[in-house]
Every structure is written in C-alpha cells, then in structure tokens.
C-alpha cells in the first residue's frame, strides 16, 4: 500500500523542479558569447541632381519678384530649378506639368498723382512681305516717342504675324505653300524692331519699354511644345530680339501695371480663352476691377463703365492696330473689313486711372515726322 504524499512533501518537489529549471537557464546564459552589433544609418536615396552653382555676380538676375513658385516652400529634396534656354540664369518656370505657379502683379510704376505719359503701339503683325511698309511705320513711332520724350513705351502684342507657325492652315495644304519660314519670320521681327528702336538710340532717349506677348507670339510656345526637340530655339531668339533693345517681356494674357492701369494683349476669361464678342470692351468693363488697355481685335474703342459706390468706374481702352493703313489679314478680311483702325495711342495716367487717350493715325504721324523718317530711312545702328 502506497504512502500518501503530504502537502509539505509536494511543495518541496515543485520547488526543486523550479530550482533545477532556473539553474539550467543560468548555465545557458553563461555559455552564450556576447557579440556587439553596430548598425550603420541607412543613407537616404539621392532625390535630386547636383544643383547648379550660380556665380556670385549673377545672383541678382535670379530674383524674380513678379513670379513666385510654391516649390520654394517645398522640402529641399523636392526643389527643382530650371534655367531658361537663353542662358540668362532666370528661372524657367511653368515647365513642370501640374505644378502650381503663383504669380504676383507686374508693377512697372506705382499709382501716382503726377501724370504719367505712355505711348502704346497696337498689333503690328510684321510679315516678311510687308517689311517695306512696317519698317517705315516703326520709324515714325520711334521718332514720336523720342521727340516727345515719352517716358513709357508699350507694344500691346502680336508683334509678328508668325504665319510660319499658324496651326489653322495645315502644312500639307496648297494654301500653306504661301507660308514664310520660321527663319523669315524671325528676321522680319528683328528688322522691324531695329527700326522702332533706332530713333530712340539716336536721340539718346531711354523710356521704360515693355511688350505684352499676344496670341500670335504664343504660337511659338505651342509649336515648341508639340516639337520638344526645338524647345527654346524659337522663343529664345524671339525674346532675345526684344531684350537686345532693353524691352521687358510679359506672357500672353498676363497683366502688367503702369500707374494702376493694366496692360495686356487681351484679357483671358475663366476658361483661358480671349475675352470676345462683338464689343469685348463692354464685356471686359463689366468684369474688370481696374482700368485696362488691350488690343487683339484691331479696332480702337474706349468704354467708360460706372460702378456702384462712391466715385467708382473703370475705363477699358482698345488701342486698335498699328498695321499698315488698309491692310487686313487674310484670315480677317470677311470679319473686320473697314472697322480696323491704324495708328498709335498716346495716354495720360494718374490717380490709378486713364485720364486721357488720343489715337494718332499713321497719316497724321507721316505729316508730323515724315521728313525725319526720310533722313533715317535705311540707316542702321
């Protein structure tokens, strides 16, 4: 018969087993070789190409107060710098698809109570076949600005017709055989721009000058976008022709303010299309919140629109065209006819508004400055 196990005996057996297990664990830990593992930090992947180091003397040219990119506030590894094809160290903004670009206003002169005089040249549509006419007109315009010592000079855009880049006439059509080449269009632009600036340099008159690019000018950007291998070749030479004579260049549809008045080739609606209609000046005056000068339609017009409130109103001026008298582009002969106006515009601005505007026809310009233009015809810088 088995002897019953007492509680004390059972507890002693359990404690003995636990002590044996603990002793075994101590032996295992003592037999292990301690090794020290050193972990190197994982290198962050390279997220950008080496940044171009700008020479100290050219830092000023990188400052673009009128264009601010939101990429500037992004982490360093996400920042991207682009440089223009002209090699002028200016940020080549607007190139990244989907990137949000925030623009601040271009202000060439602040609002002032003192009168500001400005001469505005409308659409000129230079064409190789019209150079013998348009160079004469540009001489007259330059002489007017030089002799009146006008401190501000504007060209409202569509400087050249750029028929070589016209998308509306396909190159495989019979009609397209009449197109000039890109080289001819650029040479025509240079010839006429030299004529415009010749009197200014001979008279040693240096007004502040700006060209607001038009839709025909912007065909160059569209063409380069469709042919990426040409990126910067056409637009680069076009803008270099302007800048060689000290002209500032603003983008198609962008406002450039002078004394509180905006200048642009044509305002763009919410869909990015040119403001249009039979009388676009009325449409624009209903929506714009400040005085505005534009071109595009080749028809001079001025609309003064009162607004609700004390002493509120806007004045919208279309400066018309500066093409040769009676010339109408082939594409507009059935839509514009005799409504086209030809000449330049002389304005006075103060208190943030257009206070006076006078259209000067080319025939009047010829009467005033024709003899001077005869003396300068054929001269070069």
Protein backbone atom coordinates (compact mmCIF):
# COMPACT_ATOMS: atom_id res chain seq x y z
CA UNK A 1 0.00 0.00 0.00
CA UNK A 2 1.47 3.44 -1.07
CA UNK A 3 2.28 6.06 1.50
CA UNK A 4 0.19 9.23 0.90
CA UNK A 5 2.15 12.35 -0.11
CA UNK A 6 1.78 15.17 2.41
CA UNK A 7 1.33 18.78 1.27
CA UNK A 8 4.75 19.74 2.50
CA UNK A 9 6.36 16.99 0.51
CA UNK A 10 4.51 18.07 -2.71
CA UNK A 11 5.56 21.69 -2.35
CA UNK A 12 9.13 20.66 -1.81
CA UNK A 13 9.03 18.64 -5.05
CA UNK A 14 7.69 21.62 -7.06
CA UNK A 15 10.28 23.98 -5.66
CA UNK A 16 13.03 21.52 -6.52
CA UNK A 17 11.85 21.33 -10.13
CA UNK A 18 11.73 25.13 -10.43
CA UNK A 19 15.23 25.44 -8.98
CA UNK A 20 16.50 22.92 -11.49
CA UNK A 21 14.98 24.86 -14.40
CA UNK A 22 16.44 28.14 -13.13
CA UNK A 23 19.88 26.57 -12.78
CA UNK A 24 19.68 25.28 -16.34
CA UNK A 25 18.78 28.72 -17.69
CA UNK A 26 21.72 30.25 -15.82
CA UNK A 27 24.08 27.76 -17.45
CA UNK A 28 22.70 28.55 -20.93
CA UNK A 29 23.13 32.30 -20.47
CA UNK A 30 26.67 31.81 -19.16
CA UNK A 31 27.59 29.75 -22.21
CA UNK A 32 26.43 32.40 -24.72
CA UNK A 33 29.13 34.59 -26.33
CA UNK A 34 28.21 38.25 -26.20
CA UNK A 35 28.62 39.99 -29.57
CA UNK A 36 28.19 43.73 -30.16
CA UNK A 37 26.48 44.58 -33.45
CA UNK A 38 27.00 48.11 -34.88
CA UNK A 39 24.28 49.30 -37.26
CA UNK A 40 25.21 51.99 -39.80
CA UNK A 41 22.47 54.53 -40.60
CA UNK A 42 20.73 53.88 -43.90
CA UNK A 43 21.71 56.55 -46.43
CA UNK A 44 18.79 58.49 -47.84
CA UNK A 45 18.29 57.92 -51.57
CA UNK A 46 19.53 60.68 -53.84
CA UNK A 47 16.39 62.61 -54.84
CA UNK A 48 17.87 65.39 -56.95
CA UNK A 49 20.65 66.10 -59.37
CA UNK A 50 23.61 68.21 -58.25
CA UNK A 51 22.45 71.81 -58.07
CA UNK A 52 23.91 74.36 -60.43
CA UNK A 53 26.03 76.87 -58.52
CA UNK A 54 25.30 80.39 -59.70
CA UNK A 55 28.29 82.75 -59.84
CA UNK A 56 28.18 85.47 -57.20
CA UNK A 57 27.83 88.25 -59.74
CA UNK A 58 24.68 86.84 -61.31
CA UNK A 59 22.59 86.23 -58.19
CA UNK A 60 20.63 89.41 -58.81
CA UNK A 61 19.32 88.05 -62.11
CA UNK A 62 17.69 85.14 -60.28
CA UNK A 63 15.44 87.43 -58.28
CA UNK A 64 12.03 87.40 -59.93
CA UNK A 65 9.71 89.47 -57.75
CA UNK A 66 6.85 89.04 -60.18
CA UNK A 67 6.80 85.24 -60.25
CA UNK A 68 6.79 83.11 -57.08
CA UNK A 69 6.85 79.31 -57.24
CA UNK A 70 5.30 77.27 -54.46
CA UNK A 71 8.18 74.87 -54.91
CA UNK A 72 10.28 77.39 -52.99
CA UNK A 73 8.49 76.31 -49.80
CA UNK A 74 8.88 72.59 -50.50
CA UNK A 75 11.48 70.37 -48.77
CA UNK A 76 14.96 70.71 -50.22
CA UNK A 77 14.93 67.31 -51.90
CA UNK A 78 11.81 68.32 -53.84
CA UNK A 79 13.05 71.67 -55.09
CA UNK A 80 13.70 71.89 -58.80
CA UNK A 81 15.50 74.75 -60.51
CA UNK A 82 15.15 75.31 -64.22
CA UNK A 83 17.07 77.79 -66.31
CA UNK A 84 15.93 79.47 -69.47
CA UNK A 85 17.26 78.39 -72.88
CA UNK A 86 18.75 81.86 -73.23
CA UNK A 87 21.30 81.04 -70.53
CA UNK A 88 20.40 84.17 -68.58
CA UNK A 89 20.16 82.31 -65.24
CA UNK A 90 16.48 83.20 -64.97
CA UNK A 91 14.17 80.53 -63.50
CA UNK A 92 12.43 78.71 -66.32
CA UNK A 93 9.09 78.48 -64.51
CA UNK A 94 5.89 76.92 -65.73
CA UNK A 95 7.61 73.90 -67.23
CA UNK A 96 6.55 71.18 -64.81
CA UNK A 97 3.19 69.66 -65.63
CA UNK A 98 0.77 70.05 -62.75
CA UNK A 99 2.99 72.40 -60.77
CA UNK A 100 1.16 75.32 -59.20
CA UNK A 101 2.78 78.64 -60.02
CA UNK A 102 1.67 81.66 -58.02
CA UNK A 103 2.17 84.99 -59.75
CA UNK A 104 2.33 88.39 -58.14
CA UNK A 105 1.46 91.51 -60.16
CA UNK A 106 3.99 93.10 -62.51
CA UNK A 107 4.18 96.75 -61.46
CA UNK A 108 6.29 98.96 -63.73
CA UNK A 109 5.26 102.16 -61.93
CA UNK A 110 3.11 102.63 -58.81
CA UNK A 111 -0.08 104.68 -58.63
CA UNK A 112 0.79 108.38 -58.65
CA UNK A 113 -0.99 111.72 -58.57
CA UNK A 114 1.56 113.03 -61.07
CA UNK A 115 0.63 112.49 -64.74
CA UNK A 116 2.32 109.54 -66.47
CA UNK A 117 2.71 109.72 -70.25
CA UNK A 118 2.73 106.46 -72.20
CA UNK A 119 2.77 105.64 -75.91
CA UNK A 120 1.15 102.33 -76.85
CA UNK A 121 1.68 100.57 -80.17
CA UNK A 122 -1.10 98.17 -81.12
CA UNK A 123 -0.90 94.90 -83.04
CA UNK A 124 1.67 95.24 -85.83
CA UNK A 125 1.66 91.71 -87.33
CA UNK A 126 5.04 92.02 -89.03
CA UNK A 127 5.29 89.82 -92.12
CA UNK A 128 8.25 89.36 -94.49
CA UNK A 129 6.06 90.54 -97.37
CA UNK A 130 5.21 93.81 -95.58
CA UNK A 131 8.64 94.82 -94.27
CA UNK A 132 8.92 97.72 -96.73
CA UNK A 133 5.78 99.23 -95.15
CA UNK A 134 6.07 98.26 -91.49
CA UNK A 135 9.67 99.41 -91.05
CA UNK A 136 8.58 102.91 -92.09
CA UNK A 137 5.76 102.87 -89.54
CA UNK A 138 8.07 101.71 -86.78
CA UNK A 139 10.45 104.55 -87.63
CA UNK A 140 7.58 107.03 -87.25
CA UNK A 141 6.54 105.53 -83.90
CA UNK A 142 10.11 105.63 -82.60
CA UNK A 143 10.57 109.25 -83.72
CA UNK A 144 7.33 110.25 -81.97
CA UNK A 145 8.43 108.71 -78.67
CA UNK A 146 11.91 110.21 -78.96
CA UNK A 147 10.79 113.74 -79.86
CA UNK A 148 8.01 113.87 -77.25
CA UNK A 149 10.36 112.31 -74.66
CA UNK A 150 7.56 109.99 -73.58
CA UNK A 151 8.87 108.11 -70.51
CA UNK A 152 6.93 104.87 -71.09
CA UNK A 153 6.54 102.84 -74.28
CA UNK A 154 4.32 99.79 -74.70
CA UNK A 155 3.70 97.31 -77.51
CA UNK A 156 0.41 95.53 -76.91
CA UNK A 157 1.49 92.27 -78.58
CA UNK A 158 1.18 90.30 -81.82
CA UNK A 159 4.36 91.98 -82.91
CA UNK A 160 4.72 89.46 -85.74
CA UNK A 161 2.10 87.53 -87.62
CA UNK A 162 4.20 84.34 -87.28
CA UNK A 163 2.36 82.78 -90.22
CA UNK A 164 5.04 80.09 -90.31
CA UNK A 165 3.66 78.70 -87.04
CA UNK A 166 -0.04 79.03 -87.89
CA UNK A 167 -1.93 75.93 -86.76
CA UNK A 168 -5.12 76.86 -88.62
CA UNK A 169 -3.56 76.13 -92.01
CA UNK A 170 -2.06 72.65 -92.17
CA UNK A 171 1.33 72.39 -93.84
CA UNK A 172 0.12 69.68 -96.23
CA UNK A 173 -2.35 72.05 -97.93
CA UNK A 174 -1.95 74.18 -101.05
CA UNK A 175 -2.59 77.34 -99.05
CA UNK A 176 0.30 76.53 -96.73
CA UNK A 177 2.76 76.94 -99.60
CA UNK A 178 2.41 80.68 -99.10
CA UNK A 179 3.67 80.48 -95.53
CA UNK A 180 7.04 82.07 -94.81
CA UNK A 181 9.66 80.04 -92.99
CA UNK A 182 10.36 80.46 -89.28
CA UNK A 183 13.70 81.98 -90.22
CA UNK A 184 11.98 84.60 -92.40
CA UNK A 185 9.52 85.48 -89.64
CA UNK A 186 12.28 85.96 -87.06
CA UNK A 187 14.37 88.05 -89.47
CA UNK A 188 11.32 90.22 -90.16
CA UNK A 189 10.77 90.74 -86.44
CA UNK A 190 14.41 91.76 -85.96
CA UNK A 191 14.34 94.17 -88.92
CA UNK A 192 11.21 95.96 -87.71
CA UNK A 193 12.29 96.01 -84.07
CA UNK A 194 15.58 97.61 -85.06
CA UNK A 195 13.64 100.28 -86.97
CA UNK A 196 11.44 101.03 -83.94
CA UNK A 197 14.40 101.40 -81.60
CA UNK A 198 16.70 103.28 -84.00
CA UNK A 199 15.31 106.79 -83.26
CA UNK A 200 15.34 106.12 -79.51
CA UNK A 201 19.03 105.32 -79.58
CA UNK A 202 19.95 108.14 -81.97
CA UNK A 203 18.06 110.64 -79.76
CA UNK A 204 19.55 109.01 -76.65
CA UNK A 205 16.07 108.60 -75.20
CA UNK A 206 15.58 105.63 -72.87
CA UNK A 207 11.93 105.11 -71.95
CA UNK A 208 10.85 102.13 -69.88
CA UNK A 209 9.70 99.61 -72.51
CA UNK A 210 7.51 96.52 -72.33
CA UNK A 211 5.93 94.16 -74.85
CA UNK A 212 2.92 92.08 -73.76
CA UNK A 213 3.01 88.95 -75.89
CA UNK A 214 -0.06 88.22 -78.00
CA UNK A 215 -1.70 85.02 -79.18
CA UNK A 216 0.31 85.02 -82.44
CA UNK A 217 3.51 85.39 -80.40
CA UNK A 218 2.37 82.49 -78.21
CA UNK A 219 2.18 80.23 -81.25
CA UNK A 220 5.93 79.83 -80.74
CA UNK A 221 5.38 78.22 -77.33
CA UNK A 222 2.66 75.96 -78.76
CA UNK A 223 4.88 74.88 -81.66
CA UNK A 224 7.82 74.10 -79.38
CA UNK A 225 5.54 72.15 -77.05
CA UNK A 226 4.45 69.97 -80.00
CA UNK A 227 8.09 69.61 -81.12
CA UNK A 228 10.09 69.19 -77.89
CA UNK A 229 13.43 68.88 -79.68
CA UNK A 230 13.07 72.57 -80.65
CA UNK A 231 12.38 73.76 -77.10
CA UNK A 232 13.77 77.26 -76.60
CA UNK A 233 15.04 77.78 -80.15
CA UNK A 234 12.19 79.95 -81.46
CA UNK A 235 11.05 81.58 -78.20
CA UNK A 236 14.66 82.11 -77.18
CA UNK A 237 15.54 84.05 -80.33
CA UNK A 238 12.24 85.92 -80.29
CA UNK A 239 12.74 87.18 -76.73
CA UNK A 240 16.42 87.93 -77.32
CA UNK A 241 15.38 90.32 -80.13
CA UNK A 242 13.20 92.21 -77.63
CA UNK A 243 15.74 92.20 -74.82
CA UNK A 244 18.60 93.33 -77.04
CA UNK A 245 16.96 96.77 -77.07
CA UNK A 246 16.06 96.77 -73.37
CA UNK A 247 12.43 95.65 -73.61
CA UNK A 248 10.72 93.79 -70.79
CA UNK A 249 8.57 90.84 -71.90
CA UNK A 250 5.37 89.66 -70.19
CA UNK A 251 3.48 86.48 -71.01
CA UNK A 252 0.38 86.20 -73.15
CA UNK A 253 -2.65 87.12 -71.03
CA UNK A 254 -0.59 88.46 -68.12
CA UNK A 255 -1.30 91.93 -66.71
CA UNK A 256 1.49 94.48 -66.37
CA UNK A 257 0.51 97.54 -64.33
CA UNK A 258 1.59 101.10 -65.05
CA UNK A 259 0.33 103.69 -62.58
CA UNK A 260 -2.51 101.36 -61.54
CA UNK A 261 -3.62 100.65 -65.14
CA UNK A 262 -3.23 97.12 -66.51
CA UNK A 263 -1.73 96.44 -69.94
CA UNK A 264 -2.18 93.10 -71.71
CA UNK A 265 -2.73 91.84 -75.24
CA UNK A 266 -6.18 90.56 -74.34
CA UNK A 267 -7.68 89.50 -71.00
CA UNK A 268 -8.44 85.79 -70.68
CA UNK A 269 -11.78 84.56 -69.38
CA UNK A 270 -12.23 81.88 -66.72
CA UNK A 271 -11.76 79.17 -69.38
CA UNK A 272 -8.44 80.65 -70.51
CA UNK A 273 -9.90 81.97 -73.77
CA UNK A 274 -9.60 85.58 -75.03
CA UNK A 275 -12.48 87.80 -73.93
CA UNK A 276 -14.57 88.16 -77.08
CA UNK A 277 -17.88 89.10 -78.56
CA UNK A 278 -18.96 91.90 -80.89
CA UNK A 279 -17.78 94.51 -78.35
CA UNK A 280 -15.33 92.82 -75.99
CA UNK A 281 -14.63 96.16 -74.31
CA UNK A 282 -18.15 96.07 -72.81
CA UNK A 283 -17.71 92.50 -71.58
CA UNK A 284 -14.34 93.33 -70.06
CA UNK A 285 -15.54 96.54 -68.41
CA UNK A 286 -18.35 94.61 -66.67
CA UNK A 287 -15.85 92.24 -65.07
CA UNK A 288 -12.55 94.09 -64.62
CA UNK A 289 -11.89 95.98 -61.38
CA UNK A 290 -9.35 98.49 -62.69
CA UNK A 291 -8.63 100.44 -65.87
CA UNK A 292 -7.23 98.28 -68.65
CA UNK A 293 -5.51 98.70 -72.02
CA UNK A 294 -5.52 95.91 -74.61
CA UNK A 295 -5.55 95.20 -78.35
CA UNK A 296 -6.22 91.95 -80.23
CA UNK A 297 -9.35 92.97 -82.20
CA UNK A 298 -7.56 95.66 -84.30
CA UNK A 299 -10.48 98.02 -83.64
CA UNK A 300 -9.93 101.06 -81.46
CA UNK A 301 -12.59 101.56 -78.81
CA UNK A 302 -12.99 103.03 -75.34
CA UNK A 303 -15.64 102.16 -72.76
CA UNK A 304 -16.16 104.07 -69.51
CA UNK A 305 -18.25 101.97 -67.13
CA UNK A 306 -19.59 103.37 -63.82
CA UNK A 307 -19.67 101.09 -60.80
CA UNK A 308 -21.87 101.16 -57.71
CA UNK A 309 -20.24 103.08 -54.91
CA UNK A 310 -18.64 106.47 -54.45
CA UNK A 311 -16.53 107.67 -57.37
CA UNK A 312 -16.13 104.18 -58.82
CA UNK A 313 -15.71 103.47 -62.51
CA UNK A 314 -13.43 101.65 -64.94
CA UNK A 315 -12.12 102.70 -68.33
CA UNK A 316 -11.25 99.99 -70.86
CA UNK A 317 -9.29 101.13 -73.93
CA UNK A 318 -8.64 99.07 -77.03
CA UNK A 319 -5.73 100.71 -78.87
CA UNK A 320 -6.58 99.12 -82.25
CA UNK A 321 -3.87 98.07 -84.70
CA UNK A 322 -0.58 99.59 -85.81
CA UNK A 323 -0.55 97.72 -89.12
CA UNK A 324 -0.13 99.49 -92.47
CA UNK A 325 -3.21 101.50 -93.42
CA UNK A 326 -5.92 99.49 -95.22
CA UNK A 327 -4.14 96.20 -94.53
CA UNK A 328 -6.37 93.41 -93.22
CA UNK A 329 -5.02 89.93 -92.61
CA UNK A 330 -6.31 87.23 -94.96
CA UNK A 331 -7.88 85.42 -92.01
CA UNK A 332 -9.93 88.52 -91.01
CA UNK A 333 -10.99 90.04 -94.32
CA UNK A 334 -14.58 88.82 -94.04
CA UNK A 335 -14.96 89.63 -90.33
CA UNK A 336 -13.26 93.00 -89.80
CA UNK A 337 -13.30 94.93 -93.06
CA UNK A 338 -13.26 98.72 -92.67
CA UNK A 339 -13.64 98.55 -88.87
CA UNK A 340 -9.85 98.20 -88.45
CA UNK A 341 -8.03 101.28 -87.13
CA UNK A 342 -4.39 102.12 -87.87
CA UNK A 343 -2.04 104.19 -85.73
CA UNK A 344 -0.70 104.53 -82.18
CA UNK A 345 -2.15 105.65 -78.86
CA UNK A 346 -0.95 108.41 -76.53
CA UNK A 347 -2.26 108.30 -72.95
CA UNK A 348 -2.05 110.18 -69.69
CA UNK A 349 -2.44 108.21 -66.46
CA UNK A 350 -2.74 109.49 -62.91
CA UNK A 351 -4.64 108.60 -59.72
CA UNK A 352 -4.68 104.99 -60.93
CA UNK A 353 -6.81 105.76 -63.98
CA UNK A 354 -6.63 106.59 -67.68
CA UNK A 355 -7.34 110.31 -67.67
CA UNK A 356 -6.92 110.96 -71.40
CA UNK A 357 -6.28 108.91 -74.53
CA UNK A 358 -5.65 110.03 -78.07
CA UNK A 359 -5.45 107.88 -81.18
CA UNK A 360 -2.90 109.20 -83.69
CA UNK A 361 -3.44 107.80 -87.21
CA UNK A 362 -0.46 106.90 -89.36
CA UNK A 363 -1.23 109.66 -91.88
CA UNK A 364 -1.00 112.26 -89.12
CA UNK A 365 2.24 110.66 -87.96
CA UNK A 366 3.59 110.88 -91.51
CA UNK A 367 2.65 114.56 -91.67
CA UNK A 368 4.45 115.30 -88.38
CA UNK A 369 7.55 113.14 -88.71
CA UNK A 370 7.80 112.17 -92.38
CA UNK A 371 10.85 114.31 -93.19
CA UNK A 372 12.73 113.00 -90.17
CA UNK A 373 11.84 109.44 -91.16
CA UNK A 374 13.16 110.11 -94.68
CA UNK A 375 16.51 111.10 -93.20
CA UNK A 376 16.66 107.96 -91.08
CA UNK A 377 15.34 105.52 -93.70
CA UNK A 378 17.98 102.94 -94.50
CA UNK A 379 20.17 103.78 -91.50
CA UNK A 380 21.19 101.10 -89.06
CA UNK A 381 22.58 101.03 -85.55
